[in-house]
Amino acid sequence: MKYPRFISKEDWCIKTNFMGLSKEKVIYEKGHIFEPNEDGTYEVLDPYGAYQQIDEKTMKEFKTSSDDNFFEILKEEVEDFDIIIEEIPDDDDILVRNWRIQLDVKTTRKKLKEVEKIINEHVKPILNT
């Protein structure tokens, strides 16, 4: 079964008061994506620093202070791709198409020009037939 991914619609902050001092700590920033485990639960950090397992229903019902849904189901992006269907001839040895021959060498530019000259003289005529 495929479980949805959720994205937070705003920062998830923890506010603490200790001896008259208030502190706010962001534990999840807006746009954080929550991925499901194999069993369909979501691992979420609680205010005490421990991870809690939350089910899909709870994620959908979780509200902000303004009574809006805190999480939104992340829409799966469908990738566009092209399918190319072509007939393959029985004898692939006579198939004419564009091929790339690449040779990586360590040499001087002078010797490289010599190799290019040899390729132009001897190899190109073979390939152009």
N, C-alpha and C. Protein backbone atom coordinates (compact mmCIF):
# COMPACT_ATOMS: atom_id res chain seq x y z
N MET A 1 0.84 -1.18 0.00
CA MET A 1 0.00 0.00 0.00
C MET A 1 0.88 1.23 0.00
N LYS A 2 0.49 2.24 -0.77
CA LYS A 2 1.26 3.47 -0.85
C LYS A 2 0.66 4.51 0.08
N TYR A 3 1.49 5.05 0.94
CA TYR A 3 1.05 6.06 1.90
C TYR A 3 1.47 7.45 1.40
N PRO A 4 0.65 8.47 1.67
CA PRO A 4 0.99 9.81 1.17
C PRO A 4 2.13 10.43 1.97
N ARG A 5 2.80 11.37 1.32
CA ARG A 5 3.80 12.19 2.00
C ARG A 5 3.10 13.49 2.39
N PHE A 6 3.52 14.06 3.52
CA PHE A 6 2.92 15.30 4.01
C PHE A 6 3.98 16.40 4.02
N ILE A 7 3.51 17.63 3.83
CA ILE A 7 4.39 18.80 3.90
C ILE A 7 3.79 19.77 4.92
N SER A 8 4.65 20.35 5.76
CA SER A 8 4.15 21.29 6.78
C SER A 8 3.87 22.64 6.13
N LYS A 9 2.77 23.24 6.51
CA LYS A 9 2.35 24.51 5.92
C LYS A 9 2.93 25.72 6.67
N GLU A 10 3.50 25.49 7.83
CA GLU A 10 4.17 26.56 8.57
C GLU A 10 5.22 25.96 9.50
N ASP A 11 6.02 26.81 10.14
CA ASP A 11 7.04 26.33 11.06
C ASP A 11 6.38 25.62 12.24
N TRP A 12 7.00 24.54 12.72
CA TRP A 12 6.52 23.83 13.90
C TRP A 12 7.47 24.22 15.02
N CYS A 13 6.96 25.00 15.96
CA CYS A 13 7.79 25.54 17.03
C CYS A 13 7.38 24.98 18.39
N ILE A 14 8.34 24.94 19.28
CA ILE A 14 8.09 24.56 20.67
C ILE A 14 8.38 25.79 21.52
N LYS A 15 7.39 26.18 22.32
CA LYS A 15 7.56 27.32 23.21
C LYS A 15 7.72 26.79 24.63
N THR A 16 8.76 27.28 25.30
CA THR A 16 8.99 26.85 26.69
C THR A 16 9.12 28.08 27.58
N ASN A 17 8.69 27.93 28.80
CA ASN A 17 8.86 28.95 29.83
C ASN A 17 9.60 28.30 30.98
N PHE A 18 10.73 28.89 31.35
CA PHE A 18 11.50 28.36 32.46
C PHE A 18 12.01 29.53 33.27
N MET A 19 11.59 29.58 34.50
CA MET A 19 11.99 30.63 35.45
C MET A 19 11.77 32.03 34.86
N GLY A 20 10.62 32.20 34.22
CA GLY A 20 10.26 33.50 33.68
C GLY A 20 10.84 33.80 32.31
N LEU A 21 11.67 32.90 31.78
CA LEU A 21 12.24 33.13 30.45
C LEU A 21 11.47 32.32 29.41
N SER A 22 11.06 32.97 28.36
CA SER A 22 10.35 32.29 27.27
C SER A 22 11.33 32.03 26.15
N LYS A 23 11.21 30.85 25.59
CA LYS A 23 12.09 30.49 24.48
C LYS A 23 11.26 29.74 23.45
N GLU A 24 11.51 30.02 22.19
CA GLU A 24 10.82 29.34 21.10
C GLU A 24 11.87 28.66 20.22
N LYS A 25 11.65 27.39 19.94
CA LYS A 25 12.59 26.62 19.13
C LYS A 25 11.84 26.00 17.96
N VAL A 26 12.37 26.19 16.76
CA VAL A 26 11.76 25.61 15.56
C VAL A 26 12.30 24.18 15.42
N ILE A 27 11.37 23.20 15.44
CA ILE A 27 11.83 21.82 15.26
C ILE A 27 11.63 21.34 13.82
N TYR A 28 10.64 21.91 13.11
CA TYR A 28 10.44 21.63 11.69
C TYR A 28 10.10 22.94 11.00
N GLU A 29 10.82 23.27 9.96
CA GLU A 29 10.55 24.50 9.22
C GLU A 29 9.41 24.29 8.24
N LYS A 30 8.79 25.39 7.84
CA LYS A 30 7.73 25.35 6.84
C LYS A 30 8.28 24.66 5.59
N GLY A 31 7.49 23.74 5.03
CA GLY A 31 7.90 23.04 3.83
C GLY A 31 8.62 21.73 4.10
N HIS A 32 8.76 21.36 5.39
CA HIS A 32 9.41 20.09 5.71
C HIS A 32 8.52 18.94 5.21
N ILE A 33 9.13 17.95 4.59
CA ILE A 33 8.38 16.81 4.04
C ILE A 33 8.50 15.64 5.00
N PHE A 34 7.35 15.08 5.36
CA PHE A 34 7.28 13.93 6.24
C PHE A 34 7.01 12.68 5.40
N GLU A 35 7.97 11.76 5.44
CA GLU A 35 7.89 10.52 4.67
C GLU A 35 7.32 9.41 5.55
N PRO A 36 6.48 8.55 4.98
CA PRO A 36 5.95 7.43 5.77
C PRO A 36 6.97 6.31 5.91
N ASN A 37 6.87 5.56 7.03
CA ASN A 37 7.66 4.35 7.21
C ASN A 37 6.98 3.23 6.44
N GLU A 38 7.58 2.04 6.48
CA GLU A 38 7.01 0.89 5.77
C GLU A 38 5.61 0.55 6.29
N ASP A 39 5.38 0.79 7.57
CA ASP A 39 4.09 0.45 8.17
C ASP A 39 3.07 1.59 8.07
N GLY A 40 3.41 2.68 7.38
CA GLY A 40 2.47 3.78 7.17
C GLY A 40 2.42 4.81 8.28
N THR A 41 3.36 4.76 9.21
CA THR A 41 3.40 5.78 10.26
C THR A 41 4.47 6.81 9.92
N TYR A 42 4.39 7.95 10.58
CA TYR A 42 5.30 9.05 10.34
C TYR A 42 6.06 9.33 11.63
N GLU A 43 7.36 9.43 11.53
CA GLU A 43 8.21 9.66 12.69
C GLU A 43 8.34 11.16 12.90
N VAL A 44 7.86 11.63 14.07
CA VAL A 44 7.83 13.07 14.36
C VAL A 44 8.49 13.31 15.70
N LEU A 45 9.32 14.36 15.76
CA LEU A 45 10.02 14.73 16.99
C LEU A 45 9.05 15.46 17.91
N ASP A 46 8.95 15.01 19.16
CA ASP A 46 8.05 15.68 20.10
C ASP A 46 8.81 16.75 20.88
N PRO A 47 8.12 17.57 21.69
CA PRO A 47 8.79 18.67 22.41
C PRO A 47 9.89 18.22 23.37
N TYR A 48 9.91 16.94 23.75
CA TYR A 48 10.91 16.46 24.70
C TYR A 48 12.12 15.84 24.01
N GLY A 49 12.13 15.89 22.67
CA GLY A 49 13.27 15.38 21.93
C GLY A 49 13.18 13.91 21.57
N ALA A 50 12.04 13.28 21.81
CA ALA A 50 11.85 11.87 21.46
C ALA A 50 11.02 11.78 20.19
N TYR A 51 11.23 10.71 19.45
CA TYR A 51 10.45 10.51 18.22
C TYR A 51 9.18 9.73 18.52
N GLN A 52 8.09 10.20 17.96
CA GLN A 52 6.79 9.55 18.12
C GLN A 52 6.31 9.05 16.76
N GLN A 53 5.59 7.94 16.77
CA GLN A 53 5.00 7.41 15.55
C GLN A 53 3.57 7.93 15.44
N ILE A 54 3.28 8.62 14.34
CA ILE A 54 1.94 9.19 14.14
C ILE A 54 1.35 8.55 12.89
N ASP A 55 0.08 8.19 12.96
CA ASP A 55 -0.56 7.55 11.81
C ASP A 55 -1.08 8.60 10.82
N GLU A 56 -1.49 8.13 9.67
CA GLU A 56 -1.96 9.02 8.59
C GLU A 56 -3.18 9.83 9.00
N LYS A 57 -4.10 9.22 9.72
CA LYS A 57 -5.32 9.91 10.16
C LYS A 57 -4.98 11.10 11.05
N THR A 58 -4.07 10.90 11.99
CA THR A 58 -3.65 11.97 12.89
C THR A 58 -2.96 13.10 12.11
N MET A 59 -2.15 12.74 11.12
CA MET A 59 -1.49 13.76 10.31
C MET A 59 -2.52 14.61 9.57
N LYS A 60 -3.58 13.98 9.09
CA LYS A 60 -4.61 14.71 8.36
C LYS A 60 -5.42 15.62 9.29
N GLU A 61 -5.59 15.20 10.55
CA GLU A 61 -6.43 15.95 11.49
C GLU A 61 -5.67 16.98 12.31
N PHE A 62 -4.33 16.99 12.25
CA PHE A 62 -3.52 17.89 13.04
C PHE A 62 -3.80 19.33 12.63
N LYS A 63 -4.13 20.19 13.60
CA LYS A 63 -4.54 21.57 13.34
C LYS A 63 -3.52 22.57 13.88
N THR A 64 -3.51 23.75 13.31
CA THR A 64 -2.70 24.86 13.82
C THR A 64 -3.51 25.62 14.86
N SER A 65 -2.92 26.64 15.43
CA SER A 65 -3.63 27.43 16.43
C SER A 65 -4.82 28.18 15.81
N SER A 66 -4.78 28.43 14.51
CA SER A 66 -5.89 29.10 13.83
C SER A 66 -6.88 28.10 13.25
N ASP A 67 -6.81 26.85 13.68
CA ASP A 67 -7.72 25.77 13.31
C ASP A 67 -7.64 25.38 11.83
N ASP A 68 -6.52 25.66 11.19
CA ASP A 68 -6.28 25.19 9.82
C ASP A 68 -5.50 23.87 9.91
N ASN A 69 -5.54 23.10 8.84
CA ASN A 69 -4.73 21.88 8.82
C ASN A 69 -3.26 22.28 8.78
N PHE A 70 -2.46 21.64 9.64
CA PHE A 70 -1.04 21.95 9.71
C PHE A 70 -0.29 21.29 8.56
N PHE A 71 -0.75 20.11 8.14
CA PHE A 71 -0.08 19.38 7.07
C PHE A 71 -0.94 19.38 5.82
N GLU A 72 -0.26 19.29 4.71
CA GLU A 72 -0.94 19.17 3.42
C GLU A 72 -0.37 17.93 2.75
N ILE A 73 -1.23 17.17 2.09
CA ILE A 73 -0.73 15.99 1.38
C ILE A 73 0.06 16.47 0.18
N LEU A 74 1.26 15.97 0.08
CA LEU A 74 2.15 16.37 -1.01
C LEU A 74 1.72 15.64 -2.28
N LYS A 75 1.42 16.40 -3.28
CA LYS A 75 1.00 15.82 -4.56
C LYS A 75 2.19 15.17 -5.22
N GLU A 76 1.98 13.97 -5.71
CA GLU A 76 3.04 13.26 -6.41
C GLU A 76 3.22 13.88 -7.78
N GLU A 77 4.45 14.22 -8.11
CA GLU A 77 4.73 14.80 -9.41
C GLU A 77 4.87 13.67 -10.43
N VAL A 78 4.18 13.83 -11.52
CA VAL A 78 4.26 12.86 -12.59
C VAL A 78 5.27 13.37 -13.60
N GLU A 79 6.28 12.57 -13.84
CA GLU A 79 7.31 12.98 -14.78
C GLU A 79 6.84 12.72 -16.20
N ASP A 80 7.09 13.71 -17.07
CA ASP A 80 6.79 13.53 -18.48
C ASP A 80 7.96 12.80 -19.12
N PHE A 81 7.65 11.84 -19.94
CA PHE A 81 8.70 11.15 -20.66
C PHE A 81 8.19 10.71 -22.01
N ASP A 82 9.09 10.56 -22.93
CA ASP A 82 8.74 10.15 -24.27
C ASP A 82 9.03 8.67 -24.43
N ILE A 83 8.13 7.99 -25.08
CA ILE A 83 8.34 6.59 -25.39
C ILE A 83 8.62 6.50 -26.89
N ILE A 84 9.75 5.94 -27.22
CA ILE A 84 10.12 5.79 -28.62
C ILE A 84 10.03 4.31 -28.96
N ILE A 85 9.19 4.00 -29.91
CA ILE A 85 9.04 2.62 -30.35
C ILE A 85 9.56 2.54 -31.77
N GLU A 86 10.52 1.68 -31.98
CA GLU A 86 11.05 1.52 -33.31
C GLU A 86 11.32 0.05 -33.58
N GLU A 87 11.22 -0.30 -34.82
CA GLU A 87 11.44 -1.68 -35.21
C GLU A 87 12.94 -1.93 -35.31
N ILE A 88 13.37 -3.02 -34.72
CA ILE A 88 14.78 -3.38 -34.77
C ILE A 88 14.96 -4.42 -35.88
N PRO A 89 15.83 -4.14 -36.84
CA PRO A 89 16.03 -5.11 -37.91
C PRO A 89 16.66 -6.39 -37.37
N ASP A 90 16.45 -7.45 -38.13
CA ASP A 90 16.99 -8.75 -37.71
C ASP A 90 18.51 -8.73 -37.65
N ASP A 91 19.15 -8.04 -38.59
CA ASP A 91 20.60 -8.01 -38.63
C ASP A 91 21.08 -6.63 -38.17
N ASP A 92 21.49 -6.53 -36.94
CA ASP A 92 21.92 -5.26 -36.35
C ASP A 92 23.27 -4.81 -36.90
N ASP A 93 24.01 -5.72 -37.54
CA ASP A 93 25.33 -5.37 -38.08
C ASP A 93 25.25 -4.44 -39.28
N ILE A 94 24.12 -4.40 -39.97
CA ILE A 94 24.00 -3.54 -41.14
C ILE A 94 23.19 -2.28 -40.86
N LEU A 95 22.80 -2.10 -39.64
CA LEU A 95 22.02 -0.94 -39.26
C LEU A 95 22.88 0.32 -39.31
N VAL A 96 22.40 1.35 -40.02
CA VAL A 96 23.13 2.61 -40.12
C VAL A 96 22.47 3.62 -39.19
N ARG A 97 23.23 4.12 -38.24
CA ARG A 97 22.76 5.16 -37.33
C ARG A 97 23.95 5.97 -36.84
N ASN A 98 23.67 6.97 -36.04
CA ASN A 98 24.74 7.78 -35.48
C ASN A 98 25.35 7.05 -34.29
N TRP A 99 26.65 6.89 -34.32
CA TRP A 99 27.37 6.25 -33.23
C TRP A 99 28.47 7.20 -32.78
N ARG A 100 28.95 7.03 -31.58
CA ARG A 100 30.02 7.87 -31.06
C ARG A 100 31.21 6.98 -30.73
N ILE A 101 32.35 7.37 -31.25
CA ILE A 101 33.60 6.68 -30.91
C ILE A 101 34.41 7.68 -30.09
N GLN A 102 34.79 7.28 -28.91
CA GLN A 102 35.51 8.19 -28.03
C GLN A 102 36.78 7.50 -27.56
N LEU A 103 37.87 8.25 -27.57
CA LEU A 103 39.16 7.71 -27.16
C LEU A 103 39.82 8.72 -26.25
N ASP A 104 40.08 8.33 -25.03
CA ASP A 104 40.77 9.20 -24.09
C ASP A 104 42.24 8.80 -24.06
N VAL A 105 43.10 9.76 -24.36
CA VAL A 105 44.54 9.49 -24.40
C VAL A 105 45.29 10.59 -23.66
N LYS A 106 46.50 10.25 -23.28
CA LYS A 106 47.39 11.24 -22.68
C LYS A 106 48.57 11.39 -23.63
N THR A 107 48.62 12.55 -24.32
CA THR A 107 49.64 12.76 -25.33
C THR A 107 49.84 14.26 -25.54
N THR A 108 50.72 14.59 -26.47
CA THR A 108 50.94 15.99 -26.81
C THR A 108 49.99 16.40 -27.92
N ARG A 109 49.82 17.70 -28.09
CA ARG A 109 48.94 18.19 -29.15
C ARG A 109 49.48 17.80 -30.52
N LYS A 110 50.81 17.81 -30.69
CA LYS A 110 51.43 17.45 -31.97
C LYS A 110 51.08 16.01 -32.36
N LYS A 111 51.22 15.09 -31.40
CA LYS A 111 50.90 13.69 -31.67
C LYS A 111 49.40 13.50 -31.90
N LEU A 112 48.60 14.28 -31.21
CA LEU A 112 47.15 14.20 -31.38
C LEU A 112 46.75 14.61 -32.81
N LYS A 113 47.42 15.62 -33.34
CA LYS A 113 47.15 16.04 -34.72
C LYS A 113 47.55 14.95 -35.71
N GLU A 114 48.62 14.23 -35.40
CA GLU A 114 49.03 13.11 -36.26
C GLU A 114 47.97 12.01 -36.26
N VAL A 115 47.43 11.72 -35.08
CA VAL A 115 46.39 10.70 -34.97
C VAL A 115 45.14 11.15 -35.72
N GLU A 116 44.79 12.42 -35.61
CA GLU A 116 43.63 12.94 -36.32
C GLU A 116 43.81 12.79 -37.83
N LYS A 117 45.01 13.05 -38.32
CA LYS A 117 45.31 12.92 -39.75
C LYS A 117 45.14 11.47 -40.20
N ILE A 118 45.63 10.53 -39.40
CA ILE A 118 45.51 9.10 -39.73
C ILE A 118 44.05 8.68 -39.75
N ILE A 119 43.28 9.15 -38.77
CA ILE A 119 41.85 8.81 -38.70
C ILE A 119 41.14 9.35 -39.94
N ASN A 120 41.43 10.60 -40.32
CA ASN A 120 40.79 11.19 -41.49
C ASN A 120 41.16 10.46 -42.78
N GLU A 121 42.40 9.99 -42.86
CA GLU A 121 42.85 9.30 -44.08
C GLU A 121 42.35 7.86 -44.16
N HIS A 122 42.38 7.13 -43.06
CA HIS A 122 42.15 5.69 -43.12
C HIS A 122 40.82 5.23 -42.52
N VAL A 123 40.37 5.86 -41.45
CA VAL A 123 39.18 5.38 -40.74
C VAL A 123 37.91 5.97 -41.32
N LYS A 124 37.89 7.25 -41.63
CA LYS A 124 36.69 7.88 -42.17
C LYS A 124 36.19 7.22 -43.44
N PRO A 125 37.07 6.88 -44.38
CA PRO A 125 36.56 6.19 -45.58
C PRO A 125 35.87 4.86 -45.27
N ILE A 126 36.32 4.16 -44.28
CA ILE A 126 35.70 2.90 -43.89
C ILE A 126 34.31 3.15 -43.33
N LEU A 127 34.17 4.19 -42.50
CA LEU A 127 32.90 4.48 -41.84
C LEU A 127 31.88 5.10 -42.79
N ASN A 128 32.30 5.79 -43.83
CA ASN A 128 31.38 6.46 -44.74
C ASN A 128 30.79 5.54 -45.80
N THR A 129 31.15 4.29 -45.80
CA THR A 129 30.60 3.40 -46.83
C THR A 129 29.31 2.77 -46.39
